[in-house]
Each structure stands twice: as structure tokens, then as C-alpha cells.
């Protein structure tokens, strides 16, 4: 009997109601429906608690589930996919946001959930990055994993900063820019695309490096093999400290002469796919639907 976890922001009634609709579709199937325990009180208050729900601590939810259904925008799906990757669990995204690049279904397509029980779906693997923060002496200070991107910037203040990029220990270029984005192919349609970076099929084994508002004619987006070891050093003189932001959620202080090292992670995110058609038709459809 598969254990299916429902993940969304249950504090928002519209999302809790959407999760209830998914649960209604799953009810009566040969499965267990798991929900994070901290949501129970809120669901009871809203009258949306269901007898089919089994409540577990959040960490146990990811460990015990066989499939995670995530309802939300790309940010919610991204966060859940990163958590699920460390447990080797696949996720199915249902779009409740605007673009929904990572989602497979819209809320009016819940009939497709039946395919979870017939096995009529594919698993799509998405590469991730290991992001390491190194001291000025190249000692490891901290690390985390990114499914979308790692961004180096001056934080909330828009001011030009200086960075040095190297690949496999060899100098590549210096950047004077508002920041630098190092993205996976998955992340190429996020902040990197907005900054003028290349759009890359998620199956291409590469890493995208895109400067944000570069103050140079020669600064261009670059694409490296995902076998590369990329290092970005904070060489700013005026700014003592920069910020490293990973997947828009995790933040680290990056002091002068400290380095961010980026490598391909051994972890991969696994997305459930029902539909055929490839990446670019879906990309064009999403962009047209949102009037871009």
C-alpha cells in the first residue's frame, strides 16, 4: 500500500481546500494519505480535517512516504523537491502558482492521479548542485544543496560588486556586476533567465553562470560542463561582505576573499511526469499562458 504525502501551505484556505480535493480523489484507493502533524489544528479549525489523514512529524513525512504530492507554486515545489532528494523520494507537483514550470498538473487535471496506481508515469531526474562556502584559506565553513541556483549579491542594496570566477583551479574572468547567478538547467528558467541567461533543457549536463547587470561589455553568460569545479571569490574592496543565497531560501554571509565552490551534487531530484511532449513545448505554453 503506497504512502502518499500531501504538502502545501495549509494555513491558506484555498490551498488547504485544494489538498482536500486531492485527498478526495485518493480516498478509497489502496493508499495511505500522510500530512505533517503541525497542520492538524489548523485543518480542524477550518473544518477540512479528514479521517483518511495520518499525521506525522515533517521529517518522518519525507522518510515514510513513497510519493509526495506538492500543491503550490514553483517555490513550494522547489523546497519540497530538495528535501525529498535527500530521501530519494519522487514528487508530483500540482500548480497553484503562476508559472508552474516544475508542476506536472493543474488543479483541473486531478483525474490523472489514477495513474499513480497503474504505474503509468515516468520519473524525470533533475540535477542538483553542492554549494560550499570556503574561508579565505579555502577551509570548508558550510555547505548545502541547490536545485535551482546559488546567487551572490550585495543583498537588498543594489550596488556593483567584484568577483573572480575560476574553473578547475584556472582563472576564467573577473565580474563587476550587481551579482552572479550559478544555476542548474532547472534553474535556467528562473532568476537566470530574467537576468538574460540561456534557457537550458533540464536534461543537458551543464551549469549556467549569469552576471546580474554587468558593468562591462565583455561580461556574458557562460555555460560549463557539470563536471567542472567552479569557484567564485569575493574580491570586492568597497564591500566587506556579500551574501550567498541558495534556492531563494538559504542565506550565508560571504566576506572578502571567501570563496563559493560549486560542484555537481550526487543528489538528484525526482519528478513524476504523466505527460509527453518534451521541455520546450511546455516552456512555450507556460510563457504564452502568462502573457510573456
Protein backbone atom coordinates (compact mmCIF):
# COMPACT_ATOMS: atom_id res chain seq x y z
CA UNK A 1 0.00 0.00 0.00
CA UNK A 2 1.72 3.24 -1.12
CA UNK A 3 2.03 6.09 1.34
CA UNK A 4 1.28 9.42 -0.31
CA UNK A 5 2.17 12.67 1.46
CA UNK A 6 0.27 15.90 0.82
CA UNK A 7 2.37 19.05 1.14
CA UNK A 8 1.11 22.61 0.83
CA UNK A 9 0.63 25.72 2.93
CA UNK A 10 -2.39 24.55 4.89
CA UNK A 11 -2.64 27.96 6.59
CA UNK A 12 -4.10 29.32 3.34
CA UNK A 13 -7.68 28.12 2.94
CA UNK A 14 -7.52 27.93 -0.86
CA UNK A 15 -4.51 25.64 -0.70
CA UNK A 16 -5.94 23.53 2.11
CA UNK A 17 -9.13 23.16 0.07
CA UNK A 18 -7.10 22.12 -2.97
CA UNK A 19 -5.29 19.49 -0.88
CA UNK A 20 -8.70 18.32 0.34
CA UNK A 21 -9.77 17.85 -3.29
CA UNK A 22 -6.65 15.75 -3.94
CA UNK A 23 -7.38 13.69 -0.82
CA UNK A 24 -10.93 13.18 -2.05
CA UNK A 25 -9.56 11.81 -5.30
CA UNK A 26 -7.22 9.48 -3.42
CA UNK A 27 -9.85 8.36 -0.88
CA UNK A 28 -10.95 4.82 -1.47
CA UNK A 29 -7.73 3.95 -3.27
CA UNK A 30 -5.33 1.44 -1.80
CA UNK A 31 -3.07 4.05 -0.17
CA UNK A 32 -2.33 5.97 3.00
CA UNK A 33 -2.53 9.78 3.00
CA UNK A 34 0.10 11.48 5.14
CA UNK A 35 0.06 15.10 6.35
CA UNK A 36 2.55 16.99 8.53
CA UNK A 37 1.36 16.98 12.14
CA UNK A 38 1.75 20.74 12.68
CA UNK A 39 -1.11 21.28 10.21
CA UNK A 40 -3.71 19.29 12.14
CA UNK A 41 -5.01 22.04 14.41
CA UNK A 42 -5.44 24.45 11.51
CA UNK A 43 -7.25 21.86 9.41
CA UNK A 44 -9.61 21.07 12.28
CA UNK A 45 -10.34 24.80 12.71
CA UNK A 46 -11.17 25.16 9.02
CA UNK A 47 -13.32 22.03 9.02
CA UNK A 48 -11.03 20.41 6.47
CA UNK A 49 -9.66 17.56 8.56
CA UNK A 50 -10.30 14.17 7.01
CA UNK A 51 -10.45 10.69 8.58
CA UNK A 52 -8.05 9.47 5.87
CA UNK A 53 -5.27 11.79 7.06
CA UNK A 54 -2.46 10.27 9.11
CA UNK A 55 -0.41 12.96 10.80
CA UNK A 56 3.36 12.63 11.15
CA UNK A 57 6.28 14.90 12.09
CA UNK A 58 7.60 16.68 9.00
CA UNK A 59 10.88 14.73 8.85
CA UNK A 60 9.00 11.43 9.17
CA UNK A 61 6.67 12.55 6.39
CA UNK A 62 9.58 12.63 3.94
CA UNK A 63 11.13 9.44 5.29
CA UNK A 64 7.98 7.29 5.35
CA UNK A 65 6.19 8.43 2.21
CA UNK A 66 6.57 6.69 -1.13
CA UNK A 67 5.31 9.67 -3.15
CA UNK A 68 4.95 13.33 -2.24
CA UNK A 69 2.20 15.41 -3.85
CA UNK A 70 3.09 19.09 -3.55
CA UNK A 71 0.48 21.78 -4.17
CA UNK A 72 1.77 25.29 -4.73
CA UNK A 73 3.94 27.47 -6.90
CA UNK A 74 7.46 26.74 -8.09
CA UNK A 75 8.95 27.90 -4.78
CA UNK A 76 6.94 25.38 -2.75
CA UNK A 77 7.67 22.57 -5.21
CA UNK A 78 11.35 23.52 -5.27
CA UNK A 79 11.67 23.38 -1.48
CA UNK A 80 9.91 20.02 -1.27
CA UNK A 81 11.91 18.55 -4.16
CA UNK A 82 15.16 19.48 -2.44
CA UNK A 83 14.03 17.85 0.82
CA UNK A 84 12.76 14.77 -0.99
CA UNK A 85 16.04 14.37 -2.91
CA UNK A 86 17.95 13.56 0.27
CA UNK A 87 15.45 10.75 0.94
CA UNK A 88 15.32 9.51 -2.66
CA UNK A 89 11.56 10.14 -2.91
CA UNK A 90 9.71 11.32 -6.06
CA UNK A 91 7.36 14.29 -6.04
CA UNK A 92 4.33 15.23 -8.10
CA UNK A 93 3.76 18.97 -8.42
CA UNK A 94 0.26 20.44 -8.75
CA UNK A 95 0.37 24.08 -9.77
CA UNK A 96 -1.32 26.61 -7.51
CA UNK A 97 1.02 29.42 -8.50
CA UNK A 98 1.52 31.45 -11.65
CA UNK A 99 4.09 29.81 -13.94
CA UNK A 100 4.44 26.33 -12.51
CA UNK A 101 7.47 25.26 -14.55
CA UNK A 102 8.10 22.37 -12.15
CA UNK A 103 4.47 21.29 -11.75
CA UNK A 104 3.02 18.44 -13.78
CA UNK A 105 -0.69 19.03 -13.20
CA UNK A 106 -3.16 21.87 -12.86
CA UNK A 107 -5.95 21.64 -10.31
CA UNK A 108 -8.48 20.70 -13.01
CA UNK A 109 -6.41 17.65 -14.02
CA UNK A 110 -6.80 15.53 -10.88
CA UNK A 111 -8.20 12.60 -12.87
CA UNK A 112 -4.58 11.89 -13.79
CA UNK A 113 -3.88 10.90 -10.17
CA UNK A 114 -5.31 7.48 -11.03
CA UNK A 115 -2.10 6.84 -12.99
CA UNK A 116 -0.17 6.76 -9.71
CA UNK A 117 -1.84 3.41 -9.04
CA UNK A 118 -1.46 1.95 -12.53
CA UNK A 119 2.22 2.88 -12.83
CA UNK A 120 1.50 4.87 -15.98
CA UNK A 121 4.06 7.60 -15.33
CA UNK A 122 7.74 8.38 -15.72
CA UNK A 123 10.34 9.68 -13.28
CA UNK A 124 12.36 12.64 -14.50
CA UNK A 125 15.71 13.18 -12.80
CA UNK A 126 16.87 16.76 -12.19
CA UNK A 127 20.50 17.53 -11.37
CA UNK A 128 21.44 19.46 -8.25
CA UNK A 129 24.46 21.46 -7.10
CA UNK A 130 26.58 21.15 -4.00
CA UNK A 131 27.29 24.69 -2.80
CA UNK A 132 30.22 25.11 -0.40
CA UNK A 133 31.25 28.23 1.49
CA UNK A 134 35.03 28.34 1.97
CA UNK A 135 37.15 30.57 4.19
CA UNK A 136 39.91 32.81 2.80
CA UNK A 137 42.24 29.86 3.48
CA UNK A 138 39.92 27.54 1.45
CA UNK A 139 38.66 25.71 4.56
CA UNK A 140 35.09 24.42 4.39
CA UNK A 141 32.76 26.56 6.52
CA UNK A 142 29.35 25.37 5.39
CA UNK A 143 27.56 23.62 2.54
CA UNK A 144 24.08 22.96 1.17
CA UNK A 145 22.37 21.74 -1.98
CA UNK A 146 20.65 23.70 -4.75
CA UNK A 147 18.07 22.53 -7.25
CA UNK A 148 17.68 25.98 -8.86
CA UNK A 149 20.60 28.29 -8.20
CA UNK A 150 23.15 29.95 -5.97
CA UNK A 151 23.19 33.75 -6.14
CA UNK A 152 25.96 36.06 -4.92
CA UNK A 153 24.87 39.68 -4.42
CA UNK A 154 25.03 42.71 -2.18
CA UNK A 155 21.74 41.79 -0.58
CA UNK A 156 18.95 44.36 -0.60
CA UNK A 157 21.30 47.17 -1.69
CA UNK A 158 21.76 47.38 -5.47
CA UNK A 159 25.46 48.21 -5.74
CA UNK A 160 28.20 46.93 -8.03
CA UNK A 161 30.39 44.20 -6.55
CA UNK A 162 33.58 42.46 -7.70
CA UNK A 163 34.00 38.71 -8.07
CA UNK A 164 36.56 36.36 -9.56
CA UNK A 165 35.45 33.19 -11.36
CA UNK A 166 37.66 30.14 -11.88
CA UNK A 167 37.06 26.66 -13.29
CA UNK A 168 39.02 23.62 -12.09
CA UNK A 169 41.56 25.94 -10.46
CA UNK A 170 42.10 28.03 -13.60
CA UNK A 171 41.15 31.71 -13.75
CA UNK A 172 38.23 32.42 -16.11
CA UNK A 173 37.23 36.07 -15.64
CA UNK A 174 36.52 38.91 -13.25
CA UNK A 175 32.99 40.26 -12.91
CA UNK A 176 31.87 43.75 -11.97
CA UNK A 177 28.12 43.41 -11.63
CA UNK A 178 25.18 43.61 -9.27
CA UNK A 179 25.62 39.91 -8.67
CA UNK A 180 26.24 36.48 -10.15
CA UNK A 181 23.87 33.53 -10.65
CA UNK A 182 25.14 29.95 -10.84
CA UNK A 183 22.21 27.81 -11.96
CA UNK A 184 21.29 24.26 -12.83
CA UNK A 185 19.38 23.62 -16.07
CA UNK A 186 16.24 23.53 -13.89
CA UNK A 187 17.13 26.97 -12.56
CA UNK A 188 17.83 28.34 -16.04
CA UNK A 189 14.15 29.32 -16.35
CA UNK A 190 14.15 31.20 -13.04
CA UNK A 191 16.30 34.17 -11.96
CA UNK A 192 18.98 33.29 -14.52
CA UNK A 193 16.52 33.70 -17.40
CA UNK A 194 15.35 37.05 -16.01
CA UNK A 195 18.99 38.22 -15.95
CA UNK A 196 19.49 37.30 -19.62
CA UNK A 197 20.93 33.82 -19.19
CA UNK A 198 20.42 30.90 -21.54
CA UNK A 199 17.36 28.68 -21.26
CA UNK A 200 18.59 25.09 -20.99
CA UNK A 201 16.77 21.78 -21.34
CA UNK A 202 16.86 20.07 -17.90
CA UNK A 203 18.48 17.00 -19.48
CA UNK A 204 21.62 18.89 -20.55
CA UNK A 205 24.57 18.17 -18.18
CA UNK A 206 25.77 21.72 -17.52
CA UNK A 207 25.97 24.65 -15.12
CA UNK A 208 24.91 28.16 -16.15
CA UNK A 209 26.78 31.25 -14.90
CA UNK A 210 24.94 34.53 -15.48
CA UNK A 211 26.00 38.01 -14.31
CA UNK A 212 23.32 40.37 -12.99
CA UNK A 213 23.51 43.81 -14.65
CA UNK A 214 27.24 43.52 -15.52
CA UNK A 215 29.24 46.76 -15.73
CA UNK A 216 31.31 45.54 -18.68
CA UNK A 217 30.90 44.98 -22.42
CA UNK A 218 32.77 41.70 -22.13
CA UNK A 219 30.71 40.07 -19.37
CA UNK A 220 28.48 37.39 -20.89
CA UNK A 221 26.57 34.38 -19.57
CA UNK A 222 28.72 31.24 -19.64
CA UNK A 223 27.83 27.55 -19.70
CA UNK A 224 30.18 24.98 -18.15
CA UNK A 225 30.20 21.21 -18.05
CA UNK A 226 28.60 19.87 -14.88
CA UNK A 227 31.87 18.00 -14.26
CA UNK A 228 33.52 21.37 -13.58
CA UNK A 229 34.57 22.68 -10.19
CA UNK A 230 33.56 26.35 -10.21
CA UNK A 231 34.82 28.82 -7.64
CA UNK A 232 33.66 32.41 -7.14
CA UNK A 233 35.78 34.57 -4.84
CA UNK A 234 34.60 37.81 -3.25
CA UNK A 235 37.20 40.35 -4.42
CA UNK A 236 35.18 43.46 -3.53
CA UNK A 237 37.19 46.18 -1.81
CA UNK A 238 34.38 48.61 -1.05
CA UNK A 239 32.01 45.91 0.20
CA UNK A 240 33.36 43.95 3.15
CA UNK A 241 30.57 41.38 3.00
CA UNK A 242 28.36 39.95 0.27
CA UNK A 243 25.52 37.46 0.50
CA UNK A 244 25.14 33.95 -0.88
CA UNK A 245 21.52 32.90 -1.38
CA UNK A 246 20.73 29.29 -2.33
CA UNK A 247 17.39 28.47 -3.97
CA UNK A 248 15.99 31.71 -2.61
CA UNK A 249 15.71 30.16 0.86
CA UNK A 250 19.14 29.74 2.49
CA UNK A 251 21.39 32.74 3.13
CA UNK A 252 25.08 32.94 4.05
CA UNK A 253 27.44 35.84 4.65
CA UNK A 254 30.35 35.93 2.18
CA UNK A 255 33.25 38.02 3.46
CA UNK A 256 36.12 39.47 1.45
CA UNK A 257 38.40 36.78 -0.06
CA UNK A 258 36.00 34.00 0.89
CA UNK A 259 35.03 31.60 -1.90
CA UNK A 260 31.90 29.81 -3.03
CA UNK A 261 32.67 26.43 -4.58
CA UNK A 262 30.06 24.85 -6.88
CA UNK A 263 30.09 21.21 -7.97
CA UNK A 264 27.52 18.74 -9.23
CA UNK A 265 25.81 17.00 -6.32
CA UNK A 266 25.37 13.26 -6.05
CA UNK A 267 21.77 14.01 -5.08
CA UNK A 268 19.11 14.31 -7.77
CA UNK A 269 15.51 15.44 -7.56
CA UNK A 270 12.91 13.06 -8.99
CA UNK A 271 9.75 14.48 -10.58
CA UNK A 272 6.73 12.41 -11.58
CA UNK A 273 5.66 13.00 -15.19
CA UNK A 274 2.40 11.87 -16.78
CA UNK A 275 2.62 13.89 -19.99
CA UNK A 276 4.79 13.57 -23.07
CA UNK A 277 5.89 16.41 -25.31
CA UNK A 278 9.26 17.49 -24.01
CA UNK A 279 10.60 20.60 -22.30
CA UNK A 280 10.33 23.35 -24.92
CA UNK A 281 6.63 22.91 -25.86
CA UNK A 282 5.80 23.11 -22.14
CA UNK A 283 8.04 26.17 -21.75
CA UNK A 284 6.35 27.95 -24.67
CA UNK A 285 2.90 27.07 -23.37
CA UNK A 286 3.68 28.38 -19.88
CA UNK A 287 5.12 31.61 -21.26
CA UNK A 288 2.16 32.19 -23.57
CA UNK A 289 -0.38 31.40 -20.86
CA UNK A 290 1.22 34.04 -18.64
CA UNK A 291 1.44 36.66 -21.42
CA UNK A 292 5.24 36.88 -21.62
